[in-house]
Each structure stands twice: as structure tokens, then as C-alpha cells.
N, C-alpha and C. Protein backbone atom coordinates (compact mmCIF):
# COMPACT_ATOMS: atom_id res chain seq x y z
N MET A 1 -10.45 -16.05 -89.40
CA MET A 1 -11.12 -15.61 -88.20
C MET A 1 -12.60 -15.96 -88.27
N LYS A 2 -13.22 -15.75 -89.45
CA LYS A 2 -14.63 -16.06 -89.62
C LYS A 2 -14.90 -17.54 -89.36
N LYS A 3 -14.02 -18.41 -89.92
CA LYS A 3 -14.19 -19.85 -89.72
C LYS A 3 -14.01 -20.21 -88.26
N THR A 4 -13.05 -19.54 -87.58
CA THR A 4 -12.79 -19.84 -86.17
C THR A 4 -14.01 -19.51 -85.33
N ILE A 5 -14.61 -18.36 -85.56
CA ILE A 5 -15.79 -17.98 -84.78
C ILE A 5 -16.95 -18.92 -85.10
N GLY A 6 -17.14 -19.19 -86.40
CA GLY A 6 -18.20 -20.14 -86.78
C GLY A 6 -17.94 -21.51 -86.20
N PHE A 7 -16.68 -21.92 -86.18
CA PHE A 7 -16.30 -23.22 -85.63
C PHE A 7 -16.58 -23.24 -84.12
N ALA A 8 -16.23 -22.15 -83.44
CA ALA A 8 -16.48 -22.06 -81.99
C ALA A 8 -17.98 -22.11 -81.71
N ILE A 9 -18.75 -21.45 -82.55
CA ILE A 9 -20.21 -21.48 -82.37
C ILE A 9 -20.72 -22.90 -82.59
N SER A 10 -20.22 -23.57 -83.62
CA SER A 10 -20.63 -24.94 -83.87
C SER A 10 -20.27 -25.83 -82.70
N ILE A 11 -19.11 -25.63 -82.15
CA ILE A 11 -18.67 -26.44 -81.01
C ILE A 11 -19.59 -26.21 -79.82
N LEU A 12 -19.92 -24.97 -79.59
CA LEU A 12 -20.79 -24.68 -78.46
C LEU A 12 -22.16 -25.34 -78.65
N ALA A 13 -22.65 -25.31 -79.87
CA ALA A 13 -23.94 -25.95 -80.14
C ALA A 13 -23.82 -27.45 -79.95
N LEU A 14 -22.71 -28.02 -80.36
CA LEU A 14 -22.49 -29.45 -80.23
C LEU A 14 -22.42 -29.87 -78.77
N THR A 15 -21.81 -29.06 -77.96
CA THR A 15 -21.61 -29.44 -76.55
C THR A 15 -22.85 -29.22 -75.70
N GLY A 16 -23.83 -28.63 -76.27
CA GLY A 16 -25.06 -28.48 -75.53
C GLY A 16 -25.16 -27.19 -74.76
N VAL A 17 -24.30 -26.24 -75.09
CA VAL A 17 -24.41 -24.94 -74.43
C VAL A 17 -25.67 -24.29 -74.99
N ALA A 18 -26.56 -23.95 -74.14
CA ALA A 18 -27.83 -23.39 -74.60
C ALA A 18 -28.35 -22.40 -73.57
N LEU A 19 -29.20 -21.59 -74.07
CA LEU A 19 -29.88 -20.68 -73.15
C LEU A 19 -31.11 -21.40 -72.64
N SER A 20 -31.25 -21.37 -71.37
CA SER A 20 -32.38 -22.07 -70.80
C SER A 20 -33.03 -21.15 -69.78
N GLY A 21 -34.18 -20.65 -70.14
CA GLY A 21 -34.92 -19.78 -69.23
C GLY A 21 -34.14 -18.55 -68.86
N GLY A 22 -33.35 -17.99 -69.81
CA GLY A 22 -32.60 -16.77 -69.53
C GLY A 22 -31.26 -17.04 -68.88
N ALA A 23 -30.96 -18.28 -68.52
CA ALA A 23 -29.67 -18.58 -67.89
C ALA A 23 -28.79 -19.30 -68.90
N GLN A 24 -27.52 -18.98 -68.89
CA GLN A 24 -26.57 -19.59 -69.82
C GLN A 24 -25.81 -20.68 -69.07
N ALA A 25 -25.76 -21.86 -69.69
CA ALA A 25 -25.00 -22.96 -69.08
C ALA A 25 -23.52 -22.70 -69.32
N GLU A 26 -22.70 -23.04 -68.35
CA GLU A 26 -21.26 -22.83 -68.49
C GLU A 26 -20.60 -24.14 -68.88
N PHE A 27 -19.73 -24.03 -69.88
CA PHE A 27 -18.96 -25.21 -70.29
C PHE A 27 -17.71 -24.71 -70.99
N SER A 28 -16.61 -25.26 -70.65
CA SER A 28 -15.38 -25.03 -71.40
C SER A 28 -14.51 -26.26 -71.22
N GLY A 29 -13.71 -26.55 -72.23
CA GLY A 29 -12.86 -27.72 -72.16
C GLY A 29 -12.48 -28.21 -73.54
N THR A 30 -11.77 -29.31 -73.57
CA THR A 30 -11.38 -29.91 -74.84
C THR A 30 -11.75 -31.39 -74.82
N TYR A 31 -12.02 -31.89 -76.00
CA TYR A 31 -12.26 -33.32 -76.15
C TYR A 31 -11.98 -33.69 -77.59
N GLU A 32 -11.90 -34.99 -77.86
CA GLU A 32 -11.59 -35.47 -79.20
C GLU A 32 -12.76 -36.29 -79.72
N ILE A 33 -13.01 -36.15 -81.04
CA ILE A 33 -14.04 -36.96 -81.67
C ILE A 33 -13.51 -37.46 -83.02
N ASP A 34 -14.10 -38.54 -83.50
CA ASP A 34 -13.76 -39.07 -84.82
C ASP A 34 -14.71 -38.47 -85.84
N VAL A 35 -14.13 -37.97 -86.95
CA VAL A 35 -14.94 -37.40 -88.03
C VAL A 35 -14.56 -38.11 -89.33
N PRO A 36 -15.48 -38.15 -90.30
CA PRO A 36 -15.18 -38.87 -91.55
C PRO A 36 -14.18 -38.12 -92.44
N VAL A 37 -13.28 -38.90 -93.05
CA VAL A 37 -12.32 -38.36 -94.02
C VAL A 37 -13.01 -38.38 -95.38
N LEU A 38 -13.05 -37.24 -96.04
CA LEU A 38 -13.65 -37.16 -97.36
C LEU A 38 -12.64 -37.53 -98.45
N SER A 39 -11.42 -37.06 -98.30
CA SER A 39 -10.36 -37.37 -99.27
C SER A 39 -9.01 -37.03 -98.66
N TYR A 40 -7.97 -37.55 -99.30
CA TYR A 40 -6.61 -37.20 -98.88
C TYR A 40 -5.71 -37.23 -100.11
N SER A 41 -4.62 -36.51 -100.03
CA SER A 41 -3.60 -36.54 -101.09
C SER A 41 -2.23 -36.38 -100.44
N GLU A 42 -1.24 -36.97 -101.10
CA GLU A 42 0.11 -36.90 -100.55
C GLU A 42 0.68 -35.51 -100.76
N ARG A 43 1.46 -35.05 -99.79
CA ARG A 43 2.09 -33.73 -99.84
C ARG A 43 3.59 -33.94 -100.03
N TYR A 44 4.14 -33.35 -101.09
CA TYR A 44 5.56 -33.47 -101.39
C TYR A 44 6.23 -32.10 -101.28
N ILE A 45 7.48 -32.11 -100.86
CA ILE A 45 8.29 -30.90 -100.87
C ILE A 45 9.54 -31.18 -101.70
N THR A 46 10.11 -30.12 -102.26
CA THR A 46 11.34 -30.26 -103.04
C THR A 46 12.53 -30.06 -102.11
N VAL A 47 13.43 -31.04 -102.13
CA VAL A 47 14.63 -31.00 -101.29
C VAL A 47 15.84 -30.93 -102.22
N THR A 48 16.74 -29.98 -101.97
CA THR A 48 17.96 -29.85 -102.76
C THR A 48 19.13 -30.38 -101.94
N GLU A 49 19.85 -31.34 -102.50
CA GLU A 49 20.99 -31.94 -101.82
C GLU A 49 22.21 -31.87 -102.73
N VAL A 50 23.40 -31.83 -102.13
CA VAL A 50 24.64 -31.92 -102.89
C VAL A 50 25.09 -33.37 -102.81
N ARG A 51 25.20 -34.01 -103.97
CA ARG A 51 25.57 -35.42 -104.02
C ARG A 51 26.74 -35.62 -104.97
N PRO A 52 27.59 -36.63 -104.68
CA PRO A 52 28.62 -36.97 -105.65
C PRO A 52 27.98 -37.71 -106.83
N VAL A 53 28.32 -37.28 -108.03
CA VAL A 53 27.77 -37.88 -109.24
C VAL A 53 28.94 -38.29 -110.13
N GLN A 54 28.87 -39.50 -110.66
CA GLN A 54 29.93 -39.97 -111.55
C GLN A 54 29.58 -39.60 -112.99
N GLU A 55 30.49 -38.87 -113.63
CA GLU A 55 30.31 -38.49 -115.03
C GLU A 55 31.35 -39.24 -115.86
N CYS A 56 30.89 -39.89 -116.92
CA CYS A 56 31.79 -40.68 -117.77
C CYS A 56 31.71 -40.17 -119.21
N ARG A 57 32.83 -40.29 -119.92
CA ARG A 57 32.86 -39.93 -121.33
C ARG A 57 33.85 -40.84 -122.04
N GLU A 58 33.62 -40.99 -123.34
CA GLU A 58 34.50 -41.81 -124.17
C GLU A 58 35.61 -40.92 -124.73
N VAL A 59 36.86 -41.38 -124.60
CA VAL A 59 38.00 -40.64 -125.15
C VAL A 59 38.84 -41.57 -126.00
N ALA A 60 39.49 -41.01 -127.03
CA ALA A 60 40.39 -41.78 -127.89
C ALA A 60 41.77 -41.77 -127.25
N VAL A 61 42.35 -42.95 -127.06
CA VAL A 61 43.69 -43.07 -126.48
C VAL A 61 44.56 -43.89 -127.42
N SER A 62 45.85 -43.67 -127.32
CA SER A 62 46.80 -44.41 -128.14
C SER A 62 46.74 -45.89 -127.77
N ALA A 63 46.73 -46.72 -128.80
CA ALA A 63 46.64 -48.16 -128.55
C ALA A 63 48.01 -48.80 -128.42
N GLY A 64 49.05 -48.00 -128.32
CA GLY A 64 50.40 -48.54 -128.15
C GLY A 64 51.07 -48.75 -129.49
N GLY A 65 52.13 -49.55 -129.51
CA GLY A 65 52.83 -49.84 -130.75
C GLY A 65 54.16 -49.15 -130.84
N SER A 66 54.34 -48.03 -130.16
CA SER A 66 55.65 -47.39 -130.20
C SER A 66 56.34 -47.65 -128.87
N THR A 67 57.63 -47.89 -128.95
CA THR A 67 58.39 -48.11 -127.73
C THR A 67 59.43 -47.02 -127.61
N SER A 68 59.80 -46.71 -126.42
CA SER A 68 60.82 -45.70 -126.22
C SER A 68 62.19 -46.34 -126.02
N SER A 69 62.27 -47.63 -126.17
CA SER A 69 63.53 -48.35 -125.97
C SER A 69 64.36 -48.39 -127.25
N ASP A 70 65.64 -48.15 -127.10
CA ASP A 70 66.57 -48.26 -128.24
C ASP A 70 67.29 -49.61 -128.24
N THR A 71 66.90 -50.50 -127.39
CA THR A 71 67.57 -51.80 -127.25
C THR A 71 67.60 -52.59 -128.56
N PRO A 72 66.48 -52.71 -129.30
CA PRO A 72 66.55 -53.49 -130.55
C PRO A 72 67.58 -52.93 -131.54
N GLU A 73 67.64 -51.60 -131.68
CA GLU A 73 68.60 -51.00 -132.61
C GLU A 73 70.04 -51.23 -132.15
N LEU A 74 70.29 -51.11 -130.84
CA LEU A 74 71.64 -51.34 -130.32
C LEU A 74 72.09 -52.79 -130.54
N LEU A 75 71.17 -53.71 -130.24
CA LEU A 75 71.52 -55.13 -130.46
C LEU A 75 71.75 -55.41 -131.95
N GLY A 76 70.94 -54.80 -132.81
CA GLY A 76 71.12 -54.96 -134.26
C GLY A 76 72.46 -54.42 -134.71
N ALA A 77 72.87 -53.28 -134.15
CA ALA A 77 74.16 -52.69 -134.52
C ALA A 77 75.32 -53.58 -134.08
N ILE A 78 75.23 -54.13 -132.88
CA ILE A 78 76.31 -55.01 -132.38
C ILE A 78 76.41 -56.27 -133.24
N ILE A 79 75.27 -56.90 -133.49
CA ILE A 79 75.28 -58.13 -134.29
C ILE A 79 75.73 -57.83 -135.72
N GLY A 80 75.23 -56.73 -136.31
CA GLY A 80 75.63 -56.34 -137.67
C GLY A 80 77.11 -56.04 -137.74
N GLY A 81 77.64 -55.37 -136.73
CA GLY A 81 79.08 -55.07 -136.70
C GLY A 81 79.90 -56.33 -136.60
N ALA A 82 79.45 -57.28 -135.80
CA ALA A 82 80.18 -58.56 -135.66
C ALA A 82 80.17 -59.32 -136.97
N ILE A 83 79.05 -59.33 -137.68
CA ILE A 83 78.96 -60.02 -138.97
C ILE A 83 79.86 -59.32 -139.99
N GLY A 84 79.85 -57.97 -139.99
CA GLY A 84 80.69 -57.21 -140.91
C GLY A 84 82.17 -57.47 -140.67
N LYS A 85 82.58 -57.61 -139.45
CA LYS A 85 83.98 -57.90 -139.12
C LYS A 85 84.36 -59.29 -139.58
N GLU A 86 83.44 -60.24 -139.50
CA GLU A 86 83.71 -61.61 -139.94
C GLU A 86 83.87 -61.67 -141.46
N ILE A 87 83.13 -60.81 -142.18
CA ILE A 87 83.22 -60.81 -143.64
C ILE A 87 84.59 -60.29 -144.07
N ASP A 88 85.01 -59.17 -143.47
CA ASP A 88 86.32 -58.62 -143.84
C ASP A 88 87.00 -58.18 -142.56
N ASP A 89 87.88 -59.02 -142.05
CA ASP A 89 88.53 -58.81 -140.77
C ASP A 89 89.44 -57.59 -140.78
N ASP A 90 90.00 -57.23 -141.92
CA ASP A 90 90.96 -56.13 -141.98
C ASP A 90 90.29 -54.78 -142.23
N SER A 91 89.04 -54.75 -142.65
CA SER A 91 88.40 -53.49 -143.03
C SER A 91 87.48 -53.00 -141.92
N LYS A 92 87.76 -51.77 -141.49
CA LYS A 92 86.89 -51.16 -140.48
C LYS A 92 85.57 -50.73 -141.12
N SER A 93 85.60 -50.42 -142.38
CA SER A 93 84.39 -49.96 -143.05
C SER A 93 83.33 -51.07 -143.11
N SER A 94 83.73 -52.31 -143.27
CA SER A 94 82.75 -53.39 -143.30
C SER A 94 82.12 -53.58 -141.91
N THR A 95 82.86 -53.31 -140.86
CA THR A 95 82.31 -53.39 -139.50
C THR A 95 81.27 -52.29 -139.30
N VAL A 96 81.60 -51.06 -139.73
CA VAL A 96 80.68 -49.92 -139.59
C VAL A 96 79.44 -50.14 -140.44
N ILE A 97 79.63 -50.59 -141.69
CA ILE A 97 78.48 -50.85 -142.58
C ILE A 97 77.60 -51.94 -141.98
N GLY A 98 78.16 -52.99 -141.42
CA GLY A 98 77.40 -54.06 -140.79
C GLY A 98 76.62 -53.56 -139.58
N ALA A 99 77.24 -52.67 -138.78
CA ALA A 99 76.55 -52.11 -137.61
C ALA A 99 75.36 -51.26 -138.04
N LEU A 100 75.55 -50.41 -139.07
CA LEU A 100 74.45 -49.57 -139.56
C LEU A 100 73.32 -50.41 -140.14
N LEU A 101 73.67 -51.41 -140.93
CA LEU A 101 72.64 -52.28 -141.50
C LEU A 101 71.90 -53.06 -140.41
N GLY A 102 72.61 -53.53 -139.40
CA GLY A 102 71.98 -54.26 -138.29
C GLY A 102 71.00 -53.39 -137.52
N ALA A 103 71.40 -52.13 -137.24
CA ALA A 103 70.51 -51.20 -136.54
C ALA A 103 69.28 -50.90 -137.37
N SER A 104 69.47 -50.70 -138.69
CA SER A 104 68.36 -50.40 -139.58
C SER A 104 67.38 -51.56 -139.67
N ILE A 105 67.92 -52.77 -139.81
CA ILE A 105 67.05 -53.96 -139.89
C ILE A 105 66.27 -54.14 -138.59
N ALA A 106 66.93 -53.94 -137.43
CA ALA A 106 66.25 -54.08 -136.14
C ALA A 106 65.13 -53.04 -136.00
N SER A 107 65.39 -51.81 -136.45
CA SER A 107 64.38 -50.75 -136.39
C SER A 107 63.19 -51.10 -137.27
N ASP A 108 63.46 -51.59 -138.50
CA ASP A 108 62.37 -51.97 -139.41
C ASP A 108 61.53 -53.11 -138.84
N LEU A 109 62.20 -54.10 -138.24
CA LEU A 109 61.46 -55.22 -137.63
C LEU A 109 60.59 -54.75 -136.46
N GLU A 110 61.12 -53.83 -135.67
CA GLU A 110 60.35 -53.31 -134.54
C GLU A 110 59.10 -52.58 -135.03
N LYS A 111 59.23 -51.77 -136.07
CA LYS A 111 58.08 -51.05 -136.64
C LYS A 111 57.06 -52.01 -137.22
N LYS A 112 57.55 -53.06 -137.90
CA LYS A 112 56.65 -54.05 -138.50
C LYS A 112 55.86 -54.78 -137.42
N ASN A 113 56.52 -55.14 -136.33
CA ASN A 113 55.83 -55.83 -135.23
C ASN A 113 54.82 -54.93 -134.53
N ALA A 114 55.06 -53.63 -134.56
CA ALA A 114 54.15 -52.69 -133.91
C ALA A 114 52.91 -52.41 -134.75
N GLN A 115 52.95 -52.72 -136.07
CA GLN A 115 51.78 -52.47 -136.91
C GLN A 115 50.62 -53.34 -136.44
N GLY A 116 49.45 -52.79 -136.46
CA GLY A 116 48.27 -53.52 -135.97
C GLY A 116 48.08 -53.28 -134.48
N LYS A 117 49.15 -52.90 -133.81
CA LYS A 117 49.05 -52.58 -132.39
C LYS A 117 48.92 -51.07 -132.20
N GLY A 118 49.22 -50.33 -133.23
CA GLY A 118 49.19 -48.88 -133.15
C GLY A 118 47.79 -48.33 -133.34
N GLY A 119 47.68 -47.04 -133.51
CA GLY A 119 46.40 -46.40 -133.73
C GLY A 119 45.78 -45.96 -132.42
N THR A 120 44.47 -45.81 -132.44
CA THR A 120 43.77 -45.38 -131.23
C THR A 120 42.64 -46.35 -130.93
N ARG A 121 42.23 -46.31 -129.68
CA ARG A 121 41.08 -47.09 -129.25
C ARG A 121 40.26 -46.20 -128.31
N MET A 122 38.99 -46.52 -128.18
CA MET A 122 38.11 -45.74 -127.31
C MET A 122 38.16 -46.31 -125.90
N GLU A 123 38.21 -45.41 -124.94
CA GLU A 123 38.27 -45.82 -123.54
C GLU A 123 37.33 -44.93 -122.73
N THR A 124 36.66 -45.51 -121.75
CA THR A 124 35.76 -44.75 -120.89
C THR A 124 36.55 -44.17 -119.73
N ARG A 125 36.45 -42.85 -119.56
CA ARG A 125 37.10 -42.17 -118.44
C ARG A 125 36.02 -41.55 -117.58
N CYS A 126 36.08 -41.80 -116.27
CA CYS A 126 35.05 -41.31 -115.35
C CYS A 126 35.68 -40.43 -114.28
N THR A 127 34.94 -39.42 -113.86
CA THR A 127 35.34 -38.58 -112.75
C THR A 127 34.12 -38.38 -111.85
N THR A 128 34.37 -38.11 -110.59
CA THR A 128 33.29 -37.85 -109.65
C THR A 128 33.25 -36.35 -109.36
N VAL A 129 32.07 -35.77 -109.54
CA VAL A 129 31.87 -34.34 -109.28
C VAL A 129 30.68 -34.19 -108.36
N GLU A 130 30.62 -33.06 -107.66
CA GLU A 130 29.48 -32.79 -106.78
C GLU A 130 28.46 -31.96 -107.55
N ARG A 131 27.22 -32.38 -107.49
CA ARG A 131 26.12 -31.70 -108.18
C ARG A 131 24.97 -31.48 -107.20
N GLN A 132 24.24 -30.39 -107.43
CA GLN A 132 23.01 -30.17 -106.67
C GLN A 132 21.91 -30.98 -107.34
N VAL A 133 21.26 -31.80 -106.56
CA VAL A 133 20.21 -32.67 -107.07
C VAL A 133 18.92 -32.35 -106.32
N GLU A 134 17.85 -32.08 -107.08
CA GLU A 134 16.54 -31.83 -106.47
C GLU A 134 15.73 -33.12 -106.49
N THR A 135 15.15 -33.44 -105.34
CA THR A 135 14.30 -34.62 -105.24
C THR A 135 12.98 -34.22 -104.58
N GLN A 136 11.96 -35.00 -104.85
CA GLN A 136 10.67 -34.79 -104.21
C GLN A 136 10.58 -35.73 -103.01
N LYS A 137 10.27 -35.17 -101.85
CA LYS A 137 10.22 -35.96 -100.62
C LYS A 137 8.81 -35.87 -100.04
N LEU A 138 8.26 -37.03 -99.68
CA LEU A 138 6.93 -37.07 -99.06
C LEU A 138 7.03 -36.44 -97.68
N SER A 139 6.22 -35.41 -97.42
CA SER A 139 6.30 -34.73 -96.13
C SER A 139 5.00 -34.81 -95.34
N GLY A 140 4.05 -35.57 -95.81
CA GLY A 140 2.79 -35.71 -95.09
C GLY A 140 1.64 -35.91 -96.06
N ASN A 141 0.43 -35.76 -95.53
CA ASN A 141 -0.77 -35.94 -96.34
C ASN A 141 -1.74 -34.81 -96.06
N TYR A 142 -2.35 -34.30 -97.13
CA TYR A 142 -3.46 -33.36 -96.97
C TYR A 142 -4.71 -34.20 -96.75
N VAL A 143 -5.50 -33.83 -95.75
CA VAL A 143 -6.73 -34.56 -95.44
C VAL A 143 -7.90 -33.58 -95.45
N ASN A 144 -8.93 -33.91 -96.22
CA ASN A 144 -10.18 -33.15 -96.18
C ASN A 144 -11.17 -33.96 -95.35
N TYR A 145 -11.70 -33.31 -94.31
CA TYR A 145 -12.66 -34.01 -93.45
C TYR A 145 -13.86 -33.12 -93.20
N GLU A 146 -14.94 -33.76 -92.76
CA GLU A 146 -16.19 -33.04 -92.53
C GLU A 146 -16.52 -33.00 -91.05
N PHE A 147 -16.93 -31.82 -90.62
CA PHE A 147 -17.39 -31.68 -89.24
C PHE A 147 -18.59 -30.74 -89.25
N GLN A 148 -19.72 -31.23 -88.82
CA GLN A 148 -20.98 -30.49 -88.73
C GLN A 148 -21.32 -29.77 -90.04
N GLY A 149 -21.19 -30.50 -91.14
CA GLY A 149 -21.58 -29.95 -92.44
C GLY A 149 -20.53 -29.07 -93.09
N ASN A 150 -19.42 -28.81 -92.42
CA ASN A 150 -18.34 -27.99 -92.99
C ASN A 150 -17.17 -28.89 -93.37
N VAL A 151 -16.46 -28.50 -94.42
CA VAL A 151 -15.29 -29.26 -94.86
C VAL A 151 -14.04 -28.51 -94.42
N PHE A 152 -13.14 -29.23 -93.78
CA PHE A 152 -11.88 -28.66 -93.30
C PHE A 152 -10.72 -29.43 -93.92
N ARG A 153 -9.57 -28.77 -93.97
CA ARG A 153 -8.37 -29.40 -94.52
C ARG A 153 -7.25 -29.31 -93.49
N ALA A 154 -6.55 -30.42 -93.32
CA ALA A 154 -5.43 -30.46 -92.38
C ALA A 154 -4.28 -31.23 -93.02
N THR A 155 -3.10 -31.03 -92.48
CA THR A 155 -1.93 -31.79 -92.91
C THR A 155 -1.56 -32.74 -91.79
N VAL A 156 -1.45 -34.02 -92.11
CA VAL A 156 -1.12 -35.04 -91.11
C VAL A 156 0.13 -35.79 -91.58
N PRO A 157 0.90 -36.36 -90.63
CA PRO A 157 2.16 -37.00 -91.01
C PRO A 157 2.01 -38.34 -91.74
N SER A 158 0.91 -39.05 -91.52
CA SER A 158 0.77 -40.36 -92.15
C SER A 158 -0.59 -40.47 -92.84
N ARG A 159 -0.73 -41.49 -93.68
CA ARG A 159 -1.95 -41.70 -94.44
C ARG A 159 -3.10 -42.01 -93.47
N PRO A 160 -4.22 -41.30 -93.59
CA PRO A 160 -5.34 -41.54 -92.67
C PRO A 160 -6.20 -42.71 -93.12
N GLY A 161 -7.01 -43.18 -92.20
CA GLY A 161 -8.00 -44.20 -92.53
C GLY A 161 -9.28 -43.50 -92.97
N SER A 162 -10.42 -44.14 -92.74
CA SER A 162 -11.69 -43.55 -93.14
C SER A 162 -12.18 -42.51 -92.14
N MET A 163 -11.62 -42.51 -90.94
CA MET A 163 -11.98 -41.53 -89.91
C MET A 163 -10.69 -40.88 -89.41
N ILE A 164 -10.83 -39.65 -88.93
CA ILE A 164 -9.69 -38.95 -88.34
C ILE A 164 -10.14 -38.34 -87.02
N LYS A 165 -9.26 -38.37 -86.05
CA LYS A 165 -9.57 -37.83 -84.73
C LYS A 165 -9.23 -36.34 -84.73
N VAL A 166 -10.19 -35.50 -84.31
CA VAL A 166 -9.95 -34.06 -84.19
C VAL A 166 -10.18 -33.63 -82.75
N LYS A 167 -9.44 -32.61 -82.35
CA LYS A 167 -9.57 -32.08 -80.99
C LYS A 167 -10.52 -30.90 -81.04
N ILE A 168 -11.49 -30.91 -80.16
CA ILE A 168 -12.47 -29.84 -80.07
C ILE A 168 -12.15 -29.03 -78.82
N VAL A 169 -12.04 -27.72 -79.00
CA VAL A 169 -11.82 -26.82 -77.87
C VAL A 169 -13.08 -25.98 -77.74
N ALA A 170 -13.73 -26.11 -76.62
CA ALA A 170 -14.99 -25.40 -76.40
C ALA A 170 -14.75 -24.26 -75.42
N ILE A 171 -14.97 -23.03 -75.91
CA ILE A 171 -14.89 -21.85 -75.05
C ILE A 171 -16.04 -20.93 -75.42
N PRO A 172 -16.50 -20.14 -74.49
CA PRO A 172 -17.57 -19.20 -74.82
C PRO A 172 -17.12 -18.23 -75.90
N VAL A 173 -18.00 -17.91 -76.82
CA VAL A 173 -17.67 -17.05 -77.95
C VAL A 173 -17.27 -15.66 -77.47
N ASP A 174 -17.88 -15.17 -76.43
CA ASP A 174 -17.59 -13.82 -75.94
C ASP A 174 -16.13 -13.68 -75.50
N TYR A 175 -15.47 -14.80 -75.17
CA TYR A 175 -14.10 -14.72 -74.66
C TYR A 175 -13.07 -15.17 -75.69
N ALA A 176 -13.49 -15.53 -76.87
CA ALA A 176 -12.56 -15.99 -77.91
C ALA A 176 -11.80 -14.80 -78.48
N ASN A 177 -10.52 -14.96 -78.71
CA ASN A 177 -9.71 -13.88 -79.29
C ASN A 177 -9.71 -13.98 -80.77
């Protein structure tokens, strides 16, 4: 309030309102003038937004090597049984022994081929989650300017030059609220 009254008095003095021979000149109105900018600084505000963020982590996964198929063992049993029957055509036991040996050999070969392919390996797994992210957003500029020996501060939307235009409202002090 003190600055407003002082500012109004300064404005009245600037506009030439004066007492002249006991009579007061009447003047009221608004006008704009250019005043020098003393300094400015950018004004930032903190904005919180919800954004999708990708989070990744390394996990150990099986590198393979085991199969769920029984096909190699079945084929080994059939081939082993056929060989066993050829060795002794009259003996059922040689057919059974050949089938068992064929299945066993096929299983061993499958395990041997899987070696080096087994174990674990590292793999990157990513998921998208929503996170609150705070950012600084430019919301204007603080400007310090001088008018009639006084320094004032204002917030303006864009970067000022060396001068800034201010609006002067001139009203009689007796009627100012």
C-alpha cells in the first residue's frame, strides 16, 4: 500500500499535476512509457507429470540343452530291438536287450549333444511402468526495472530487452483506494 501511494504520488508529479496559485490541475488517465531494465532472471516452476518409464534388469535364463521329446529314445529302442532280433531270431530276450541298449545309447547321445548348450545366460528383461516425474519448466522472467529512482520487480512471459514498457495510471491521491 505504501509503494502504491508513493507510486501514485510519483505519477502525479510526472504528469505535471501541480498546485498553481491555489488551484489544482485536474488530470486522470493511463499511458505507457519505456523504462530501463536493470536485470532479469528466468522463473521456473516445478511440474509433476505421470510418464511411462521403461525399467530394465538383467536376469539369468536357461540356455537350453534339454528337450522334452522322447523321440530319440524311442527310435533307439526300435533300432536296438531290430538289431537284437537279427542277432538271435529265436530269442525274445535279445530283442528286449537290444531295445534297452538302443534307448540308452540314444539318451546318452542326446545328453552329449546338449552339453555346451546347457547352463544359463544373461538376458535383459524390460517392463514399462508409470512414474511421477518432476521437471522444471520455464514460466516467465523476473524483471527489475527503474522508474523515477525506484526499483520495481515484475514477472513477464518473455525475455525483455534493455527497456520495458510500463502502464502508468494517474489518479488523484485523495481518491485512491
